[in-house]
Amino acid sequence: MLAEIRKQFYKDTLKELEGINGKLASDNIPPEEQSLIAEKVFSVSHQISGTGPMLGFDSTSLLAKKLESTFYDIRRGERKITPQLLWQTKRAIDAMIKSFNEENNSQ
């Protein structure tokens, strides 16, 4: 049962990370889309940091916690979305995808 839950979590979350990554690949993201991407990044990183450790995705969870914290601050209005932040987020998502795949394949 747990193996099935883990497999579904991996599949669904990887799809979400790849979707975010695709949107971040654009050089010119309109401001109205930036806020939607920010919400999605927060939501997915929150999901990974909360559920990931229970399913054996410990390293990915640590990366997700950093993103979650950053995008929590954005949601609260304490940080702004900048092109630099979006670029760093893309790099972080790339690292999370790599880590997620490695942890999945090692189980």
C-alpha atoms as a PDB file:
ATOM      1  CA  MET A   1       0.000   0.000   0.000  1.00  0.00           C
ATOM      2  CA  LEU A   2       2.732   2.477   0.968  1.00  0.00           C
ATOM      3  CA  ALA A   3       4.665   1.592  -2.188  1.00  0.00           C
ATOM      4  CA  GLU A   4       1.611   2.508  -4.277  1.00  0.00           C
ATOM      5  CA  ILE A   5       1.197   5.827  -2.453  1.00  0.00           C
ATOM      6  CA  ARG A   6       4.904   6.578  -2.924  1.00  0.00           C
ATOM      7  CA  LYS A   7       4.730   5.745  -6.630  1.00  0.00           C
ATOM      8  CA  GLN A   8       1.681   7.986  -7.149  1.00  0.00           C
ATOM      9  CA  PHE A   9       3.240  10.828  -5.128  1.00  0.00           C
ATOM     10  CA  TYR A  10       6.397  10.594  -7.221  1.00  0.00           C
ATOM     11  CA  LYS A  11       4.495  10.522 -10.505  1.00  0.00           C
ATOM     12  CA  ASP A  12       2.151  13.412  -9.662  1.00  0.00           C
ATOM     13  CA  THR A  13       4.783  15.594  -8.049  1.00  0.00           C
ATOM     14  CA  LEU A  14       7.310  15.074 -10.832  1.00  0.00           C
ATOM     15  CA  LYS A  15       4.669  16.133 -13.348  1.00  0.00           C
ATOM     16  CA  GLU A  16       4.001  19.297 -11.328  1.00  0.00           C
ATOM     17  CA  LEU A  17       7.717  20.120 -11.008  1.00  0.00           C
ATOM     18  CA  GLU A  18       8.242  19.644 -14.739  1.00  0.00           C
ATOM     19  CA  GLY A  19       5.240  21.870 -15.454  1.00  0.00           C
ATOM     20  CA  ILE A  20       6.640  24.649 -13.278  1.00  0.00           C
ATOM     21  CA  ASN A  21      10.027  24.193 -14.898  1.00  0.00           C
ATOM     22  CA  GLY A  22       8.503  24.587 -18.349  1.00  0.00           C
ATOM     23  CA  LYS A  23       6.855  27.854 -17.364  1.00  0.00           C
ATOM     24  CA  LEU A  24      10.073  29.157 -15.825  1.00  0.00           C
ATOM     25  CA  ALA A  25      11.951  28.409 -19.050  1.00  0.00           C
ATOM     26  CA  SER A  26      10.321  31.434 -20.697  1.00  0.00           C
ATOM     27  CA  ASP A  27      12.446  34.582 -20.691  1.00  0.00           C
ATOM     28  CA  ASN A  28       9.456  36.881 -20.446  1.00  0.00           C
ATOM     29  CA  ILE A  29       6.860  35.830 -17.887  1.00  0.00           C
ATOM     30  CA  PRO A  30       4.008  38.368 -17.583  1.00  0.00           C
ATOM     31  CA  PRO A  31       3.449  39.707 -14.030  1.00  0.00           C
ATOM     32  CA  GLU A  32       0.004  38.098 -13.753  1.00  0.00           C
ATOM     33  CA  GLU A  33       1.545  34.705 -14.545  1.00  0.00           C
ATOM     34  CA  GLN A  34       4.381  35.277 -12.085  1.00  0.00           C
ATOM     35  CA  SER A  35       1.955  35.324  -9.160  1.00  0.00           C
ATOM     36  CA  LEU A  36       0.323  32.101 -10.377  1.00  0.00           C
ATOM     37  CA  ILE A  37       3.735  30.456 -10.708  1.00  0.00           C
ATOM     38  CA  ALA A  38       4.662  31.687  -7.218  1.00  0.00           C
ATOM     39  CA  GLU A  39       1.530  30.071  -5.770  1.00  0.00           C
ATOM     40  CA  LYS A  40       2.256  26.831  -7.609  1.00  0.00           C
ATOM     41  CA  VAL A  41       5.898  26.777  -6.453  1.00  0.00           C
ATOM     42  CA  PHE A  42       4.801  27.351  -2.866  1.00  0.00           C
ATOM     43  CA  SER A  43       2.107  24.675  -3.059  1.00  0.00           C
ATOM     44  CA  VAL A  44       4.322  21.991  -4.603  1.00  0.00           C
ATOM     45  CA  SER A  45       7.311  22.746  -2.378  1.00  0.00           C
ATOM     46  CA  HIS A  46       5.037  22.668   0.685  1.00  0.00           C
ATOM     47  CA  GLN A  47       3.676  19.300  -0.446  1.00  0.00           C
ATOM     48  CA  ILE A  48       7.174  17.870  -0.952  1.00  0.00           C
ATOM     49  CA  SER A  49       8.569  19.217   2.310  1.00  0.00           C
ATOM     50  CA  GLY A  50       5.611  17.834   4.253  1.00  0.00           C
ATOM     51  CA  THR A  51       4.931  14.499   2.589  1.00  0.00           C
ATOM     52  CA  GLY A  52       8.319  13.728   1.040  1.00  0.00           C
ATOM     53  CA  PRO A  53      10.099  12.610   4.221  1.00  0.00           C
ATOM     54  CA  MET A  54       7.351  10.126   5.052  1.00  0.00           C
ATOM     55  CA  LEU A  55       7.864   8.499   1.657  1.00  0.00           C
ATOM     56  CA  GLY A  56      11.677   8.484   1.595  1.00  0.00           C
ATOM     57  CA  PHE A  57      12.330  11.709  -0.326  1.00  0.00           C
ATOM     58  CA  ASP A  58      14.488  13.293   2.368  1.00  0.00           C
ATOM     59  CA  SER A  59      17.014  15.207   0.223  1.00  0.00           C
ATOM     60  CA  THR A  60      14.326  16.561  -2.072  1.00  0.00           C
ATOM     61  CA  SER A  61      12.368  17.634   0.974  1.00  0.00           C
ATOM     62  CA  LEU A  62      15.297  19.706   2.248  1.00  0.00           C
ATOM     63  CA  LEU A  63      15.528  21.520  -1.082  1.00  0.00           C
ATOM     64  CA  ALA A  64      11.772  22.045  -1.097  1.00  0.00           C
ATOM     65  CA  LYS A  65      11.827  23.626   2.373  1.00  0.00           C
ATOM     66  CA  LYS A  66      14.122  26.383   1.117  1.00  0.00           C
ATOM     67  CA  LEU A  67      11.814  27.170  -1.792  1.00  0.00           C
ATOM     68  CA  GLU A  68       8.766  26.946   0.427  1.00  0.00           C
ATOM     69  CA  SER A  69      10.237  29.505   2.816  1.00  0.00           C
ATOM     70  CA  THR A  70      11.127  31.919   0.020  1.00  0.00           C
ATOM     71  CA  PHE A  71       7.722  31.709  -1.604  1.00  0.00           C
ATOM     72  CA  TYR A  72       5.989  31.947   1.766  1.00  0.00           C
ATOM     73  CA  ASP A  73       7.692  35.332   2.163  1.00  0.00           C
ATOM     74  CA  ILE A  74       6.494  36.319  -1.318  1.00  0.00           C
ATOM     75  CA  ARG A  75       2.928  35.364  -0.448  1.00  0.00           C
ATOM     76  CA  ARG A  76       3.151  37.520   2.681  1.00  0.00           C
ATOM     77  CA  GLY A  77       4.471  40.468   0.660  1.00  0.00           C
ATOM     78  CA  GLU A  78       7.882  40.418   2.357  1.00  0.00           C
ATOM     79  CA  ARG A  79       9.754  39.611  -0.875  1.00  0.00           C
ATOM     80  CA  LYS A  80       9.223  40.518  -4.492  1.00  0.00           C
ATOM     81  CA  ILE A  81       9.401  38.344  -7.573  1.00  0.00           C
ATOM     82  CA  THR A  82      12.381  39.400  -9.653  1.00  0.00           C
ATOM     83  CA  PRO A  83      13.937  37.956 -12.811  1.00  0.00           C
ATOM     84  CA  GLN A  84      16.882  36.818 -10.651  1.00  0.00           C
ATOM     85  CA  LEU A  85      14.551  35.029  -8.237  1.00  0.00           C
ATOM     86  CA  LEU A  86      12.768  33.289 -11.109  1.00  0.00           C
ATOM     87  CA  TRP A  87      16.113  32.186 -12.561  1.00  0.00           C
ATOM     88  CA  GLN A  88      17.233  30.861  -9.151  1.00  0.00           C
ATOM     89  CA  THR A  89      13.882  29.106  -8.759  1.00  0.00           C
ATOM     90  CA  LYS A  90      14.381  27.373 -12.112  1.00  0.00           C
ATOM     91  CA  ARG A  91      17.794  26.163 -10.951  1.00  0.00           C
ATOM     92  CA  ALA A  92      16.292  24.966  -7.658  1.00  0.00           C
ATOM     93  CA  ILE A  93      13.494  23.114  -9.468  1.00  0.00           C
ATOM     94  CA  ASP A  94      16.112  21.490 -11.737  1.00  0.00           C
ATOM     95  CA  ALA A  95      17.992  20.328  -8.627  1.00  0.00           C
ATOM     96  CA  MET A  96      14.783  19.054  -7.038  1.00  0.00           C
ATOM     97  CA  ILE A  97      13.873  17.051 -10.137  1.00  0.00           C
ATOM     98  CA  LYS A  98      17.347  15.504 -10.187  1.00  0.00           C
ATOM     99  CA  SER A  99      17.213  14.690  -6.472  1.00  0.00           C
ATOM    100  CA  PHE A 100      13.646  13.385  -6.736  1.00  0.00           C
ATOM    101  CA  ASN A 101      14.610  11.032  -9.573  1.00  0.00           C
ATOM    102  CA  GLU A 102      17.720   9.814  -7.747  1.00  0.00           C
ATOM    103  CA  GLU A 103      15.817   9.124  -4.541  1.00  0.00           C
ATOM    104  CA  ASN A 104      13.055   7.348  -6.443  1.00  0.00           C
ATOM    105  CA  ASN A 105      15.524   5.164  -8.324  1.00  0.00           C
ATOM    106  CA  SER A 106      17.447   4.222  -5.158  1.00  0.00           C
ATOM    107  CA  GLN A 107      14.350   2.703  -3.480  1.00  0.00           C
END
